[in-house]
Each structure stands twice: as C-alpha cells, then as structure tokens.
C-alpha cells in the first residue's frame, strides 16, 4: 500500500460562513467594527476554521466558494434553490471580507462562475486523492457522495469542534448505501433545501429501500414490473423530474479548476494574520493562531 504524500483540507467556505452568521445572528450578536462593518459571520467562520485546522492538522488548505446564485443547475431547472431568500443585509459585505481573511492566511480562494463550491471541491478532491489524503470540511450532507478512496468528509455538527467524519470503509454501515448511491437517492426523494422534488410521493424511507434493493435508478427502471403498483405509477408520472433531480444532485468532478499544492501550503505569516485580526477587532482570536 503506497503512503499518501500530503493531507489536504478542502473547506466549504459558504457552509462555514452561513453557519457562522446564523449561529451568532439569532442571538442578535452582529459584531461590528468601529467603522460599522458587520463581522459576526467572518468571526465565527474563523473560529470554525481554526478549530478544524487544529484538529485535522492538514499540510495544505484550500477554501472553495460559490460564485453567485446563477449556475448551470439554475439554467436547467428554474426552481433550483428558488426557495432561498436573499442573504441578510449584514451578511452581504462579509462575503468579500471573509475571502480577505482567508488570503491573510495565504490560503487560495477557489470558485468558478456557473458552478457551485461543491463542484470545485469534487473536482479538486478527485485530482488530489490519487496521491494524497483529502478531507472536506462542510456542514452539507450532499458532499457525502464524494467519499471515496483517499477522500473523507467531516460534517460539522452543533457547536465548535464537533464533527462526524465519513470514510469509504465504514460509510455503508453508517448510511445503509454507498457514497455514489446518494445521487440516485436524491433523484428519487428530491431535496427540500435545494428545492427540487424528485419523484412526488416518494420519501426518504421508500427511496432508501429501493436503492438498497435495486442499487441505482437505472436498475429500478429496468425492474419496474417488480415494483409495487403505487410506486410504479409515481415513477412513471414523474420520470422526467426523476432524471432531472438526479442531474441536479450530482456534484460535477470534472470542471476546469485547479490549484498547485505549492500555493496551498498550510503556513502563514503570523504578523500578517495578527494585522488583519487587529483591523477587524478580533483581539481574542489572536491567541488561536500559533
């Protein structure tokens, strides 16, 4: 068995920023600098980020971002994420600010117009996993489809420092299906948070049972006659949406992003980070950098 050279951490920037913003905003704690710039999302993002870096001890770090709400998924389905409201006013200036703080750590910010951060992470993870160990830090369960040889996913749970780590060897006993089958599962049951329906009337329980029995949507369609009549009817009536939902659920792992690992080395100039934290009045975060 060959030893992997590096331990690369891919960070789902949007997941950490939104989580950080709402974790503090619901208490009315917006944190503002003397000049009036809201910083609560960025501050909490940094707390999550520094905790993950400390816990997982990466050799390289890359942060991935969505580049706006319009993507190839909204092109193929108008309703995709249409249930999401506009970001809160206090969060909007923090989108650029958080990237500046990431840059202060000498970490690359990666994103590509028309694609989501998930697609960037999927593409980079597949590129790097050939020779290295990859860990993706996120709060988003969709990313679990990427778990594979050399790719682990750490799902953030409530609080700081609390993760559930998924890896290929133990995935099936944890989730009941293989990582790659998540796409088919979502094709059947849809995803309320991303606002696509899957097959109307088929929920998670039925979808899971079908995937466990038949392995994939293709195999389910080949064995339609063996399915309960009610399920057959639902699938026949929603076949177009079934295929579309599957397409929306699938993370693309072949988009044109890349990052040379020399640019992603986890080492930074403490003075630059301290200067940035001082600008943002993050005094008590300074002791977390070493």
Foldseek 3Di string as FASTA:
>chain_A
DDDFDWEEEEEAQVQQLVVQCVVQVVVVRQAADPVGQGCRSLLSSVLQVLLCCVVVVGQFYAYEFEDDDAAVLCVVPVQFQVPDDDPDPNCVVVVVVNVVLCVQQLHYYDYDPRAGSLLVCLQAQVVRQVRHAYEYEGQDPLSLLSADRRYKYWHDDPDHNDTDIDHQVCNCVVPVAGSVQVLQLCLQQPDVNRRQGRQPPDHNVNSSVLCNVQVGPVSCVVVLVPDPPVVSVSCVVCVVSSVSRSVSSDRHNDDPDDDDRVSGGRGHDLVSSVVSCVSRVVVVCSVSDD
